[in-house]
Amino acid sequence: MQDADAPLLDGDEAPPVEVLNPAGRGRAVLVCEHASSAVPAALGDLGLHPDDRLSHAVWDIGALALARGLSAALDAPLVAARVSRLVYDCNRPPEAADAIPAQSERIAVPGNRGLSPAARAARVEAVYRPFERCLRATLDARRGPTVLVTVHSFTPVYHGQPRAVDLGLLHDADPRLADAMLAAAPAHLPGLDTRLNAPYDAGDGVTHTLRAHAVPRGMPNVMIEVKNSLLGDAGGIAAIADGLAGMLGAALAACFADADADAAAGRGGTG
């Protein structure tokens, strides 16, 4: 258990967030909030059962590899968390109870039980605030039309119930990008059960990153959820990345058609 006066991350541990391909010039910024299974040494193993240490509760299995593939295909910067979602879920605001969950589906997290306000605040400052600042700075540096895309995976069976959906396209207040990607799905990922706002939706509190960083900017945005059984090997990841890149390419063209027309006509549209 962490010493109340000790830092959560010591000087030998990696920072809680990284930006891959920071100079990417494509029209998307990618985010992977649940990219890592790492737990700081100060927290031990959070009391997790050994069988649960690399489970879907700890991180989004395959999501970082998928996000890396999309970053390469789209020449997009990728902001990725380097700490497990059980330490702090960067897709939740500090006031959310499940930002530091004591239970995730069937998986108990003893190291998160009964945390004092000071202990919770320490995790916010050590993990969430740096992530938030990094993503904000990455978006502030953008020039021209940009979309925000968050990349996640989900377990095929949840609370004992199989999930039929393969690919979810989630949105908060702005459905433009999700709708355009759904329209492009049959051409690029045929055969997958692709749905809007599944297996979660904004009412489940999962669109925090979109709401906090994209909606206030008027920036088209989408949260991508892929069944993690489709990301079990390099071939599967590459196939999904290729299909999603095609869907995003078509959606970008649809979302920014007016801005592109203005630019072509020399009218200087801002997007």
Protein backbone atom coordinates (compact mmCIF):
# COMPACT_ATOMS: atom_id res chain seq x y z
CA MET A 1 0.00 0.00 0.00
CA GLN A 2 1.22 3.50 -0.82
CA ASP A 3 2.86 5.61 1.89
CA ALA A 4 0.68 8.70 2.29
CA ASP A 5 3.72 10.98 2.01
CA ALA A 6 5.46 9.14 -0.85
CA PRO A 7 5.03 10.19 -4.49
CA LEU A 8 2.84 7.92 -6.57
CA LEU A 9 5.39 7.81 -9.40
CA ASP A 10 9.07 7.79 -8.50
CA GLY A 11 11.83 9.23 -10.64
CA ASP A 12 12.67 5.86 -12.22
CA GLU A 13 9.16 5.26 -13.55
CA ALA A 14 7.86 6.40 -16.92
CA PRO A 15 5.69 9.52 -17.04
CA PRO A 16 1.94 8.83 -16.96
CA VAL A 17 1.34 9.95 -20.57
CA GLU A 18 3.19 9.94 -23.86
CA VAL A 19 2.62 11.35 -27.32
CA LEU A 20 3.51 9.14 -30.27
CA ASN A 21 4.02 10.68 -33.71
CA PRO A 22 3.70 14.20 -32.25
CA ALA A 23 4.51 15.82 -35.61
CA GLY A 24 1.79 13.89 -37.43
CA ARG A 25 0.12 16.08 -40.03
CA GLY A 26 -3.08 14.15 -40.63
CA ARG A 27 -6.49 15.48 -39.69
CA ALA A 28 -7.00 13.31 -36.60
CA VAL A 29 -5.66 13.33 -33.07
CA LEU A 30 -5.91 9.89 -31.49
CA VAL A 31 -6.27 9.12 -27.79
CA CYS A 32 -5.86 5.81 -25.96
CA GLU A 33 -6.82 6.35 -22.34
CA HIS A 34 -6.61 2.67 -21.38
CA ALA A 35 -3.43 1.78 -23.24
CA SER A 36 -1.36 0.43 -20.34
CA SER A 37 -1.47 -2.29 -17.69
CA ALA A 38 1.30 -0.64 -15.65
CA VAL A 39 0.78 -0.07 -11.93
CA PRO A 40 3.26 2.17 -10.07
CA ALA A 41 5.54 0.35 -7.65
CA ALA A 42 4.11 2.42 -4.80
CA LEU A 43 0.76 0.64 -5.26
CA GLY A 44 2.12 -2.89 -5.52
CA ASP A 45 -0.36 -4.98 -7.50
CA LEU A 46 -3.47 -3.21 -6.08
CA GLY A 47 -4.30 -6.52 -4.40
CA LEU A 48 -5.44 -8.01 -7.71
CA HIS A 49 -5.76 -11.77 -8.06
CA PRO A 50 -2.92 -13.02 -10.30
CA ASP A 51 -5.42 -14.25 -12.89
CA ASP A 52 -6.82 -10.73 -13.20
CA ARG A 53 -3.53 -8.85 -13.48
CA LEU A 54 -3.73 -8.50 -17.29
CA SER A 55 -7.50 -8.67 -17.66
CA HIS A 56 -9.78 -6.26 -19.50
CA ALA A 57 -10.39 -4.51 -16.18
CA VAL A 58 -6.75 -3.43 -16.03
CA TRP A 59 -6.43 -2.09 -19.60
CA ASP A 60 -8.08 -2.21 -23.01
CA ILE A 61 -6.51 -5.30 -24.53
CA GLY A 62 -5.13 -4.62 -28.02
CA ALA A 63 -6.18 -0.97 -28.00
CA LEU A 64 -2.70 0.55 -28.02
CA ALA A 65 -1.53 -1.65 -30.89
CA LEU A 66 -4.67 -0.70 -32.81
CA ALA A 67 -4.17 2.99 -32.06
CA ARG A 68 -0.54 2.75 -33.22
CA GLY A 69 -1.72 1.24 -36.49
CA LEU A 70 -4.21 4.05 -36.97
CA SER A 71 -1.57 6.63 -36.10
CA ALA A 72 0.67 5.29 -38.86
CA ALA A 73 -2.14 5.01 -41.41
CA LEU A 74 -3.51 8.49 -40.74
CA ASP A 75 -0.23 10.22 -39.82
CA ALA A 76 -1.93 11.22 -36.59
CA PRO A 77 -0.52 12.17 -33.18
CA LEU A 78 -1.45 9.64 -30.51
CA VAL A 79 -1.84 10.60 -26.85
CA ALA A 80 -1.61 7.43 -24.74
CA ALA A 81 -1.84 6.81 -21.00
CA ARG A 82 1.04 4.85 -19.48
CA VAL A 83 -0.73 3.84 -16.25
CA SER A 84 -3.51 1.30 -15.74
CA ARG A 85 -7.09 2.47 -15.74
CA LEU A 86 -7.39 0.94 -12.26
CA VAL A 87 -4.86 3.42 -10.90
CA TYR A 88 -6.83 6.23 -12.49
CA ASP A 89 -9.20 6.05 -15.48
CA CYS A 90 -8.22 9.00 -17.68
CA ASN A 91 -11.62 8.79 -19.41
CA ARG A 92 -13.37 9.83 -16.21
CA PRO A 93 -13.47 13.18 -14.37
CA PRO A 94 -12.07 13.31 -10.83
CA GLU A 95 -15.54 13.47 -9.28
CA ALA A 96 -16.64 10.17 -10.87
CA ALA A 97 -16.72 7.25 -8.47
CA ASP A 98 -15.46 4.87 -11.15
CA ALA A 99 -12.40 7.00 -11.91
CA ILE A 100 -10.69 4.81 -9.26
CA PRO A 101 -12.89 1.70 -9.11
CA ALA A 102 -12.89 -0.71 -6.19
CA GLN A 103 -14.70 -3.24 -8.39
CA SER A 104 -14.62 -3.64 -12.17
CA GLU A 105 -17.26 -6.06 -13.41
CA ARG A 106 -16.43 -9.32 -11.52
CA ILE A 107 -12.92 -8.19 -10.59
CA ALA A 108 -12.20 -6.85 -7.10
CA VAL A 109 -9.55 -4.16 -6.67
CA PRO A 110 -8.65 -4.22 -2.95
CA GLY A 111 -6.02 -1.51 -3.34
CA ASN A 112 -8.73 0.96 -4.34
CA ARG A 113 -11.03 0.34 -1.39
CA GLY A 114 -11.58 2.97 1.24
CA LEU A 115 -9.22 5.55 -0.23
CA SER A 116 -9.06 8.82 1.64
CA PRO A 117 -9.83 12.07 -0.19
CA ALA A 118 -6.10 12.85 -0.03
CA ALA A 119 -5.19 9.51 -1.63
CA ARG A 120 -7.71 10.05 -4.43
CA ALA A 121 -6.45 13.59 -4.97
CA ALA A 122 -2.88 12.29 -5.22
CA ARG A 123 -3.85 9.98 -8.07
CA VAL A 124 -5.69 12.79 -9.84
CA GLU A 125 -2.60 14.99 -9.66
CA ALA A 126 -0.15 12.25 -10.59
CA VAL A 127 -2.07 10.69 -13.50
CA TYR A 128 -5.12 12.60 -14.71
CA ARG A 129 -3.81 16.18 -14.65
CA PRO A 130 -0.69 15.40 -16.73
CA PHE A 131 -2.82 13.43 -19.21
CA GLU A 132 -5.33 16.27 -19.42
CA ARG A 133 -2.61 18.89 -19.96
CA CYS A 134 -0.85 16.79 -22.59
CA LEU A 135 -4.02 16.22 -24.61
CA ARG A 136 -5.01 19.87 -24.35
CA ALA A 137 -1.56 20.99 -25.55
CA THR A 138 -1.65 18.52 -28.45
CA LEU A 139 -5.01 19.87 -29.58
CA ASP A 140 -3.96 23.49 -29.07
CA ALA A 141 -1.04 22.91 -31.44
CA ARG A 142 -3.27 21.79 -34.30
CA ARG A 143 -3.77 23.94 -37.36
CA GLY A 144 -6.64 23.37 -39.73
CA PRO A 145 -9.60 20.98 -39.54
CA THR A 146 -9.07 18.24 -36.95
CA VAL A 147 -11.10 15.42 -35.39
CA LEU A 148 -10.61 13.72 -32.03
CA VAL A 149 -10.75 9.91 -32.02
CA THR A 150 -10.48 7.81 -28.86
CA VAL A 151 -9.58 4.13 -29.25
CA HIS A 152 -10.85 1.41 -26.91
CA SER A 153 -11.55 -2.31 -26.77
CA PHE A 154 -14.20 -4.25 -24.86
CA THR A 155 -14.62 -7.75 -23.53
CA PRO A 156 -16.87 -10.13 -25.53
CA VAL A 157 -18.64 -11.33 -22.37
CA TYR A 158 -19.69 -8.88 -19.67
CA HIS A 159 -21.34 -9.94 -16.41
CA GLY A 160 -21.82 -13.36 -18.00
CA GLN A 161 -23.69 -12.00 -21.03
CA PRO A 162 -22.20 -12.36 -24.54
CA ARG A 163 -22.10 -9.18 -26.59
CA ALA A 164 -23.15 -9.45 -30.22
CA VAL A 165 -21.74 -6.12 -31.37
CA ASP A 166 -18.21 -6.19 -32.85
CA LEU A 167 -17.54 -2.49 -33.38
CA GLY A 168 -19.10 0.45 -31.57
CA LEU A 169 -19.01 4.08 -32.70
CA LEU A 170 -19.91 6.27 -29.75
CA HIS A 171 -20.61 9.97 -29.60
CA ASP A 172 -21.55 12.58 -27.04
CA ALA A 173 -23.35 15.77 -28.15
CA ASP A 174 -21.87 15.75 -31.66
CA PRO A 175 -22.82 12.75 -33.85
CA ARG A 176 -21.20 13.92 -37.10
CA LEU A 177 -18.12 11.74 -37.16
CA ALA A 178 -19.80 8.64 -35.72
CA ASP A 179 -22.64 8.88 -38.24
CA ALA A 180 -20.23 9.34 -41.15
CA MET A 181 -18.12 6.38 -40.03
CA LEU A 182 -21.19 4.17 -39.67
CA ALA A 183 -22.19 5.03 -43.24
CA ALA A 184 -18.71 3.99 -44.43
CA ALA A 185 -18.53 0.76 -42.39
CA PRO A 186 -20.02 -1.65 -44.96
CA ALA A 187 -17.40 -0.69 -47.54
CA HIS A 188 -14.41 -1.01 -45.20
CA LEU A 189 -15.26 -3.57 -42.49
CA PRO A 190 -17.95 -5.75 -44.09
CA GLY A 191 -19.22 -8.58 -41.94
CA LEU A 192 -18.72 -6.83 -38.63
CA ASP A 193 -21.71 -5.99 -36.48
CA THR A 194 -21.16 -2.23 -36.29
CA ARG A 195 -23.48 -0.04 -34.23
CA LEU A 196 -23.82 3.47 -32.90
CA ASN A 197 -23.48 3.89 -29.12
CA ALA A 198 -22.80 0.24 -28.29
CA PRO A 199 -21.85 -1.57 -26.12
CA TYR A 200 -21.98 1.69 -24.11
CA ASP A 201 -23.33 5.18 -24.64
CA ALA A 202 -22.86 8.65 -23.20
CA GLY A 203 -25.28 7.85 -20.38
CA ASP A 204 -22.73 5.36 -19.03
CA GLY A 205 -20.21 8.15 -18.47
CA VAL A 206 -17.76 6.86 -21.09
CA THR A 207 -17.52 9.96 -23.29
CA HIS A 208 -15.66 12.18 -20.83
CA THR A 209 -12.67 12.79 -23.12
CA LEU A 210 -14.94 13.74 -26.01
CA ARG A 211 -17.04 16.02 -23.82
CA ALA A 212 -14.09 17.69 -22.12
CA HIS A 213 -11.80 18.22 -25.11
CA ALA A 214 -13.68 18.01 -28.41
CA VAL A 215 -17.23 19.25 -27.85
CA PRO A 216 -16.19 22.68 -26.44
CA ARG A 217 -13.95 23.18 -29.50
CA GLY A 218 -16.70 22.28 -31.96
CA MET A 219 -14.38 19.47 -33.10
CA PRO A 220 -15.94 16.37 -34.71
CA ASN A 221 -15.22 13.37 -32.52
CA VAL A 222 -15.86 9.68 -31.99
CA MET A 223 -15.09 6.97 -29.47
CA ILE A 224 -14.20 3.68 -31.16
CA GLU A 225 -14.89 0.43 -29.26
CA VAL A 226 -13.62 -2.85 -30.77
CA LYS A 227 -14.34 -6.31 -29.40
CA ASN A 228 -10.98 -7.43 -28.03
CA SER A 229 -11.28 -10.93 -29.48
CA LEU A 230 -10.78 -9.27 -32.89
CA LEU A 231 -7.42 -7.90 -31.69
CA GLY A 232 -5.82 -11.14 -30.57
CA ASP A 233 -2.90 -11.13 -33.00
CA ALA A 234 -1.00 -8.84 -35.34
CA GLY A 235 -3.04 -9.89 -38.36
CA GLY A 236 -6.33 -9.13 -36.68
CA ILE A 237 -5.10 -5.78 -35.42
CA ALA A 238 -3.81 -4.83 -38.88
CA ALA A 239 -7.10 -5.77 -40.53
CA ILE A 240 -9.18 -3.72 -38.10
CA ALA A 241 -6.76 -0.77 -38.30
CA ASP A 242 -6.92 -0.82 -42.10
CA GLY A 243 -10.71 -0.91 -42.10
CA LEU A 244 -11.04 1.84 -39.50
CA ALA A 245 -8.54 4.00 -41.39
CA GLY A 246 -10.71 3.67 -44.49
CA MET A 247 -13.85 4.53 -42.53
CA LEU A 248 -12.17 7.54 -40.96
CA GLY A 249 -10.84 8.71 -44.32
CA ALA A 250 -14.34 8.67 -45.80
CA ALA A 251 -15.79 10.33 -42.68
CA LEU A 252 -13.16 13.07 -42.70
CA ALA A 253 -13.99 13.88 -46.29
CA ALA A 254 -17.68 14.09 -45.40
CA CYS A 255 -17.17 16.19 -42.26
CA PHE A 256 -14.80 18.67 -43.89
CA ALA A 257 -16.31 18.89 -47.37
CA ASP A 258 -17.32 22.53 -46.90
CA ALA A 259 -13.92 23.55 -45.49
CA ASP A 260 -12.16 21.77 -48.34
CA ALA A 261 -14.39 23.47 -50.89
CA ASP A 262 -13.64 26.86 -49.33
CA ALA A 263 -9.92 26.16 -49.39
CA ALA A 264 -10.06 25.04 -53.01
CA ALA A 265 -11.93 28.22 -53.92
CA GLY A 266 -9.43 30.35 -52.00
CA ARG A 267 -12.00 31.48 -49.45
CA GLY A 268 -9.86 30.50 -46.47
CA GLY A 269 -12.40 28.38 -44.59
CA THR A 270 -11.23 27.69 -41.04
CA GLY A 271 -12.93 24.32 -40.49
